[in-house]
Amino acid sequence: MSPDAPQRPHSDPESWPRVERTAVRAIPIDPQGRVLLLECASGDGGPPFWITPGGGIDPGEEPAGALVRELREELGWDVTPTGLGPCVWTRTHSFPWPPKGVRLHQHERFFPLWLDRSPPVREHHRTADEVLCLTDARWWSAPQITEASAQGIRFAPSRIGKFLAELLEARGASSTGDHIAHNSTPEPIDVGV
């Protein structure tokens, strides 16, 4: 075992030390109204699940700056903070994080990123933890997410298909790929686990 390997006090992830963390996530939406999700290996030994790109805020970082950094690391995209919409969703949940041997109790804020195209994902900027965790990337429509959920595919948040459809409807998106209008933004919605 390398000296940098996490020391797990117990093999049961439920007993790992709990670490509070604040995180930011992007909701990248293309002109067709699809969201880019990343497949993430499960820290609990179960099947993988699909998540929005993002991660923890480092000490001294502003939320928008942290999200710009995470999008560069996970997707290889260069975006500016002004390209991000206001926070539309929030979520708090706990999960095991095997690379560090801890249980993260994470408080997340989600920001839409309205795109004028469907850019490819470039993985060469990923951190070692992201290389271990992130196994695939895919553009999903809200109906595809709902159908996949019914077949047992896991998403986080679990009802992201419902909330994506509502977000698109609120923004005036259509299935023909019309540009998504930026209307007034309501208070963020707690999207649950």
C-alpha atoms as a PDB file:
ATOM      1  CA  MET A   1       0.000   0.000   0.000  1.00  0.00           C
ATOM      2  CA  SER A   2       1.405   3.416  -0.918  1.00  0.00           C
ATOM      3  CA  PRO A   3       1.985   5.973   1.854  1.00  0.00           C
ATOM      4  CA  ASP A   4      -0.649   8.225   0.219  1.00  0.00           C
ATOM      5  CA  ALA A   5      -3.346   5.546   0.279  1.00  0.00           C
ATOM      6  CA  PRO A   6      -6.262   6.371   2.577  1.00  0.00           C
ATOM      7  CA  GLN A   7      -6.310   4.576   5.868  1.00  0.00           C
ATOM      8  CA  ARG A   8      -9.766   3.090   6.373  1.00  0.00           C
ATOM      9  CA  PRO A   9     -10.456   2.424  10.033  1.00  0.00           C
ATOM     10  CA  HIS A  10     -13.237  -0.051   9.189  1.00  0.00           C
ATOM     11  CA  SER A  11     -14.234  -1.969   6.079  1.00  0.00           C
ATOM     12  CA  ASP A  12     -17.882  -0.884   6.465  1.00  0.00           C
ATOM     13  CA  PRO A  13     -18.310   2.491   4.665  1.00  0.00           C
ATOM     14  CA  GLU A  14     -21.120   3.373   7.104  1.00  0.00           C
ATOM     15  CA  SER A  15     -18.496   3.514   9.851  1.00  0.00           C
ATOM     16  CA  TRP A  16     -16.003   5.716   7.966  1.00  0.00           C
ATOM     17  CA  PRO A  17     -15.373   9.217   9.354  1.00  0.00           C
ATOM     18  CA  ARG A  18     -17.980  11.776   8.252  1.00  0.00           C
ATOM     19  CA  VAL A  19     -16.682  14.866   6.456  1.00  0.00           C
ATOM     20  CA  GLU A  20     -18.859  17.916   5.733  1.00  0.00           C
ATOM     21  CA  ARG A  21     -18.381  19.323   2.242  1.00  0.00           C
ATOM     22  CA  THR A  22     -19.944  22.074   0.146  1.00  0.00           C
ATOM     23  CA  ALA A  23     -20.093  21.326  -3.561  1.00  0.00           C
ATOM     24  CA  VAL A  24     -21.250  22.851  -6.833  1.00  0.00           C
ATOM     25  CA  ARG A  25     -22.653  21.091  -9.873  1.00  0.00           C
ATOM     26  CA  ALA A  26     -23.366  22.162 -13.423  1.00  0.00           C
ATOM     27  CA  ILE A  27     -26.449  21.209 -15.386  1.00  0.00           C
ATOM     28  CA  PRO A  28     -24.980  21.379 -18.941  1.00  0.00           C
ATOM     29  CA  ILE A  29     -27.920  21.599 -21.358  1.00  0.00           C
ATOM     30  CA  ASP A  30     -27.501  21.485 -25.146  1.00  0.00           C
ATOM     31  CA  PRO A  31     -29.819  23.088 -27.748  1.00  0.00           C
ATOM     32  CA  GLN A  32     -31.854  19.844 -27.932  1.00  0.00           C
ATOM     33  CA  GLY A  33     -32.645  20.119 -24.212  1.00  0.00           C
ATOM     34  CA  ARG A  34     -30.385  17.208 -23.240  1.00  0.00           C
ATOM     35  CA  VAL A  35     -28.249  17.214 -20.097  1.00  0.00           C
ATOM     36  CA  LEU A  36     -24.701  15.876 -19.976  1.00  0.00           C
ATOM     37  CA  LEU A  37     -24.297  13.348 -17.161  1.00  0.00           C
ATOM     38  CA  LEU A  38     -21.251  11.421 -16.003  1.00  0.00           C
ATOM     39  CA  GLU A  39     -21.363   7.779 -14.969  1.00  0.00           C
ATOM     40  CA  CYS A  40     -19.788   7.396 -11.548  1.00  0.00           C
ATOM     41  CA  ALA A  41     -18.647   4.197  -9.877  1.00  0.00           C
ATOM     42  CA  SER A  42     -20.584   3.586  -6.688  1.00  0.00           C
ATOM     43  CA  GLY A  43     -18.749   4.013  -3.416  1.00  0.00           C
ATOM     44  CA  ASP A  44     -21.093   1.502  -1.755  1.00  0.00           C
ATOM     45  CA  GLY A  45     -20.241  -1.430  -4.039  1.00  0.00           C
ATOM     46  CA  GLY A  46     -23.553  -1.161  -5.892  1.00  0.00           C
ATOM     47  CA  PRO A  47     -24.133  -0.389  -9.550  1.00  0.00           C
ATOM     48  CA  PRO A  48     -22.845   2.912 -10.949  1.00  0.00           C
ATOM     49  CA  PHE A  49     -25.028   5.993 -11.154  1.00  0.00           C
ATOM     50  CA  TRP A  50     -25.216   9.073 -13.380  1.00  0.00           C
ATOM     51  CA  ILE A  51     -24.399  12.508 -11.945  1.00  0.00           C
ATOM     52  CA  THR A  52     -24.027  16.076 -13.124  1.00  0.00           C
ATOM     53  CA  PRO A  53     -20.446  17.357 -13.412  1.00  0.00           C
ATOM     54  CA  GLY A  54     -19.039  19.196 -10.424  1.00  0.00           C
ATOM     55  CA  GLY A  55     -17.477  18.685  -7.043  1.00  0.00           C
ATOM     56  CA  GLY A  56     -16.232  20.187  -3.829  1.00  0.00           C
ATOM     57  CA  ILE A  57     -15.341  23.813  -3.285  1.00  0.00           C
ATOM     58  CA  ASP A  58     -11.695  24.177  -2.279  1.00  0.00           C
ATOM     59  CA  PRO A  59     -10.725  26.535   0.568  1.00  0.00           C
ATOM     60  CA  GLY A  60     -10.758  30.143  -0.661  1.00  0.00           C
ATOM     61  CA  GLU A  61     -12.739  29.363  -3.831  1.00  0.00           C
ATOM     62  CA  GLU A  62     -15.951  31.076  -4.820  1.00  0.00           C
ATOM     63  CA  PRO A  63     -18.732  28.711  -5.995  1.00  0.00           C
ATOM     64  CA  ALA A  64     -18.577  29.884  -9.630  1.00  0.00           C
ATOM     65  CA  GLY A  65     -14.777  29.564  -9.717  1.00  0.00           C
ATOM     66  CA  ALA A  66     -14.969  26.073  -8.229  1.00  0.00           C
ATOM     67  CA  LEU A  67     -17.479  25.015 -10.874  1.00  0.00           C
ATOM     68  CA  VAL A  68     -15.337  26.441 -13.681  1.00  0.00           C
ATOM     69  CA  ARG A  69     -12.386  24.404 -12.298  1.00  0.00           C
ATOM     70  CA  GLU A  70     -14.494  21.238 -12.002  1.00  0.00           C
ATOM     71  CA  LEU A  71     -15.788  21.568 -15.584  1.00  0.00           C
ATOM     72  CA  ARG A  72     -12.202  21.917 -16.821  1.00  0.00           C
ATOM     73  CA  GLU A  73     -11.056  18.880 -14.807  1.00  0.00           C
ATOM     74  CA  GLU A  74     -13.986  16.556 -15.519  1.00  0.00           C
ATOM     75  CA  LEU A  75     -14.992  17.599 -19.043  1.00  0.00           C
ATOM     76  CA  GLY A  76     -12.009  19.480 -20.456  1.00  0.00           C
ATOM     77  CA  TRP A  77     -14.264  22.494 -21.069  1.00  0.00           C
ATOM     78  CA  ASP A  78     -13.218  26.111 -20.646  1.00  0.00           C
ATOM     79  CA  VAL A  79     -16.204  28.117 -19.444  1.00  0.00           C
ATOM     80  CA  THR A  80     -16.455  31.444 -17.684  1.00  0.00           C
ATOM     81  CA  PRO A  81     -18.432  32.119 -14.522  1.00  0.00           C
ATOM     82  CA  THR A  82     -20.681  34.467 -16.519  1.00  0.00           C
ATOM     83  CA  GLY A  83     -21.759  31.477 -18.643  1.00  0.00           C
ATOM     84  CA  LEU A  84     -23.387  29.846 -15.623  1.00  0.00           C
ATOM     85  CA  GLY A  85     -26.982  30.545 -14.709  1.00  0.00           C
ATOM     86  CA  PRO A  86     -28.107  31.206 -11.140  1.00  0.00           C
ATOM     87  CA  CYS A  87     -28.504  28.316  -8.688  1.00  0.00           C
ATOM     88  CA  VAL A  88     -31.748  26.459  -9.495  1.00  0.00           C
ATOM     89  CA  TRP A  89     -31.471  23.283  -7.368  1.00  0.00           C
ATOM     90  CA  THR A  90     -29.994  22.293  -4.015  1.00  0.00           C
ATOM     91  CA  ARG A  91     -29.413  18.910  -2.415  1.00  0.00           C
ATOM     92  CA  THR A  92     -27.837  17.478   0.739  1.00  0.00           C
ATOM     93  CA  HIS A  93     -26.832  13.834   0.954  1.00  0.00           C
ATOM     94  CA  SER A  94     -24.208  11.472   2.368  1.00  0.00           C
ATOM     95  CA  PHE A  95     -22.186   8.908   0.475  1.00  0.00           C
ATOM     96  CA  PRO A  96     -18.991   6.874   0.880  1.00  0.00           C
ATOM     97  CA  TRP A  97     -15.912   8.238  -0.881  1.00  0.00           C
ATOM     98  CA  PRO A  98     -13.496   5.282  -1.107  1.00  0.00           C
ATOM     99  CA  PRO A  99     -10.527   7.252  -2.532  1.00  0.00           C
ATOM    100  CA  LYS A 100     -10.313   9.089   0.795  1.00  0.00           C
ATOM    101  CA  GLY A 101     -11.875   6.470   3.081  1.00  0.00           C
ATOM    102  CA  VAL A 102     -14.541   8.889   4.327  1.00  0.00           C
ATOM    103  CA  ARG A 103     -18.308   9.432   4.176  1.00  0.00           C
ATOM    104  CA  LEU A 104     -19.011  12.795   2.624  1.00  0.00           C
ATOM    105  CA  HIS A 105     -22.010  14.730   3.918  1.00  0.00           C
ATOM    106  CA  GLN A 106     -22.323  17.008   0.925  1.00  0.00           C
ATOM    107  CA  HIS A 107     -24.332  20.200   0.463  1.00  0.00           C
ATOM    108  CA  GLU A 108     -24.734  20.813  -3.282  1.00  0.00           C
ATOM    109  CA  ARG A 109     -25.851  23.775  -5.379  1.00  0.00           C
ATOM    110  CA  PHE A 110     -26.718  23.219  -9.071  1.00  0.00           C
ATOM    111  CA  PHE A 111     -26.204  25.838 -11.796  1.00  0.00           C
ATOM    112  CA  PRO A 112     -27.495  25.532 -15.375  1.00  0.00           C
ATOM    113  CA  LEU A 113     -25.000  25.903 -18.202  1.00  0.00           C
ATOM    114  CA  TRP A 114     -26.981  26.660 -21.379  1.00  0.00           C
ATOM    115  CA  LEU A 115     -24.923  25.553 -24.393  1.00  0.00           C
ATOM    116  CA  ASP A 116     -25.191  26.437 -28.070  1.00  0.00           C
ATOM    117  CA  ARG A 117     -23.800  23.016 -29.079  1.00  0.00           C
ATOM    118  CA  SER A 118     -23.056  19.562 -27.620  1.00  0.00           C
ATOM    119  CA  PRO A 119     -19.298  19.724 -26.985  1.00  0.00           C
ATOM    120  CA  PRO A 120     -17.300  16.509 -26.603  1.00  0.00           C
ATOM    121  CA  VAL A 121     -15.899  15.474 -23.239  1.00  0.00           C
ATOM    122  CA  ARG A 122     -12.113  15.545 -22.973  1.00  0.00           C
ATOM    123  CA  GLU A 123     -10.872  13.509 -20.007  1.00  0.00           C
ATOM    124  CA  HIS A 124      -7.176  14.451 -19.931  1.00  0.00           C
ATOM    125  CA  HIS A 125      -7.534  17.037 -17.106  1.00  0.00           C
ATOM    126  CA  ARG A 126      -9.156  14.686 -14.586  1.00  0.00           C
ATOM    127  CA  THR A 127      -7.686  14.272 -11.125  1.00  0.00           C
ATOM    128  CA  ALA A 128      -6.673  10.821  -9.887  1.00  0.00           C
ATOM    129  CA  ASP A 129      -9.933  10.548  -7.896  1.00  0.00           C
ATOM    130  CA  GLU A 130     -11.998  11.516 -10.965  1.00  0.00           C
ATOM    131  CA  VAL A 131     -10.187   8.933 -13.108  1.00  0.00           C
ATOM    132  CA  LEU A 132     -11.159   6.254 -10.556  1.00  0.00           C
ATOM    133  CA  CYS A 133     -14.759   7.389 -10.218  1.00  0.00           C
ATOM    134  CA  LEU A 134     -15.915   8.667 -13.631  1.00  0.00           C
ATOM    135  CA  THR A 135     -16.383   5.902 -16.192  1.00  0.00           C
ATOM    136  CA  ASP A 136     -18.548   7.382 -18.983  1.00  0.00           C
ATOM    137  CA  ALA A 137     -20.287  10.530 -20.233  1.00  0.00           C
ATOM    138  CA  ARG A 138     -23.561  10.796 -22.132  1.00  0.00           C
ATOM    139  CA  TRP A 139     -26.158  13.343 -23.238  1.00  0.00           C
ATOM    140  CA  TRP A 140     -29.615  12.436 -21.854  1.00  0.00           C
ATOM    141  CA  SER A 141     -33.093  13.806 -22.545  1.00  0.00           C
ATOM    142  CA  ALA A 142     -35.602  13.967 -19.689  1.00  0.00           C
ATOM    143  CA  PRO A 143     -37.691  11.110 -21.207  1.00  0.00           C
ATOM    144  CA  GLN A 144     -34.553   8.948 -21.605  1.00  0.00           C
ATOM    145  CA  ILE A 145     -33.697   9.498 -17.937  1.00  0.00           C
ATOM    146  CA  THR A 146     -37.239   8.591 -16.868  1.00  0.00           C
ATOM    147  CA  GLU A 147     -37.171   5.417 -18.991  1.00  0.00           C
ATOM    148  CA  ALA A 148     -33.711   4.402 -17.756  1.00  0.00           C
ATOM    149  CA  SER A 149     -34.751   5.011 -14.134  1.00  0.00           C
ATOM    150  CA  ALA A 150     -37.714   2.682 -14.620  1.00  0.00           C
ATOM    151  CA  GLN A 151     -35.236   0.025 -15.809  1.00  0.00           C
ATOM    152  CA  GLY A 152     -33.149   0.351 -12.634  1.00  0.00           C
ATOM    153  CA  ILE A 153     -30.411   2.708 -13.828  1.00  0.00           C
ATOM    154  CA  ARG A 154     -29.449   5.021 -10.974  1.00  0.00           C
ATOM    155  CA  PHE A 155     -29.255   8.814 -11.167  1.00  0.00           C
ATOM    156  CA  ALA A 156     -28.272  11.418  -8.603  1.00  0.00           C
ATOM    157  CA  PRO A 157     -30.442  13.225  -7.862  1.00  0.00           C
ATOM    158  CA  SER A 158     -32.793  10.294  -8.356  1.00  0.00           C
ATOM    159  CA  ARG A 159     -35.564  12.437  -9.867  1.00  0.00           C
ATOM    160  CA  ILE A 160     -33.329  14.456 -12.189  1.00  0.00           C
ATOM    161  CA  GLY A 161     -35.523  13.587 -15.198  1.00  0.00           C
ATOM    162  CA  LYS A 162     -38.531  15.265 -13.577  1.00  0.00           C
ATOM    163  CA  PHE A 163     -36.564  18.332 -12.499  1.00  0.00           C
ATOM    164  CA  LEU A 164     -34.830  18.623 -15.889  1.00  0.00           C
ATOM    165  CA  ALA A 165     -38.211  18.597 -17.663  1.00  0.00           C
ATOM    166  CA  GLU A 166     -39.486  21.300 -15.296  1.00  0.00           C
ATOM    167  CA  LEU A 167     -36.336  23.389 -15.783  1.00  0.00           C
ATOM    168  CA  LEU A 168     -36.646  23.150 -19.569  1.00  0.00           C
ATOM    169  CA  GLU A 169     -40.322  24.006 -19.442  1.00  0.00           C
ATOM    170  CA  ALA A 170     -39.627  27.009 -17.224  1.00  0.00           C
ATOM    171  CA  ARG A 171     -36.948  28.185 -19.647  1.00  0.00           C
ATOM    172  CA  GLY A 172     -39.138  27.820 -22.718  1.00  0.00           C
ATOM    173  CA  ALA A 173     -37.101  25.091 -24.388  1.00  0.00           C
ATOM    174  CA  SER A 174     -38.734  23.076 -27.104  1.00  0.00           C
ATOM    175  CA  SER A 175     -37.962  19.712 -28.631  1.00  0.00           C
ATOM    176  CA  THR A 176     -37.074  21.484 -31.895  1.00  0.00           C
ATOM    177  CA  GLY A 177     -33.945  22.912 -30.310  1.00  0.00           C
ATOM    178  CA  ASP A 178     -35.128  26.521 -30.055  1.00  0.00           C
ATOM    179  CA  HIS A 179     -32.729  28.636 -28.035  1.00  0.00           C
ATOM    180  CA  ILE A 180     -33.495  28.424 -24.342  1.00  0.00           C
ATOM    181  CA  ALA A 181     -34.849  31.717 -23.049  1.00  0.00           C
ATOM    182  CA  HIS A 182     -33.536  33.164 -19.796  1.00  0.00           C
ATOM    183  CA  ASN A 183     -36.636  34.100 -17.818  1.00  0.00           C
ATOM    184  CA  SER A 184     -36.734  35.216 -14.210  1.00  0.00           C
ATOM    185  CA  THR A 185     -35.262  32.669 -11.824  1.00  0.00           C
ATOM    186  CA  PRO A 186     -37.308  31.346  -8.892  1.00  0.00           C
ATOM    187  CA  GLU A 187     -35.806  30.269  -5.581  1.00  0.00           C
ATOM    188  CA  PRO A 188     -33.697  27.074  -5.851  1.00  0.00           C
ATOM    189  CA  ILE A 189     -35.623  23.812  -5.487  1.00  0.00           C
ATOM    190  CA  ASP A 190     -34.455  21.098  -3.070  1.00  0.00           C
ATOM    191  CA  VAL A 191     -34.242  18.114  -5.444  1.00  0.00           C
ATOM    192  CA  GLY A 192     -33.679  15.535  -2.695  1.00  0.00           C
ATOM    193  CA  VAL A 193     -31.464  12.518  -3.017  1.00  0.00           C
END
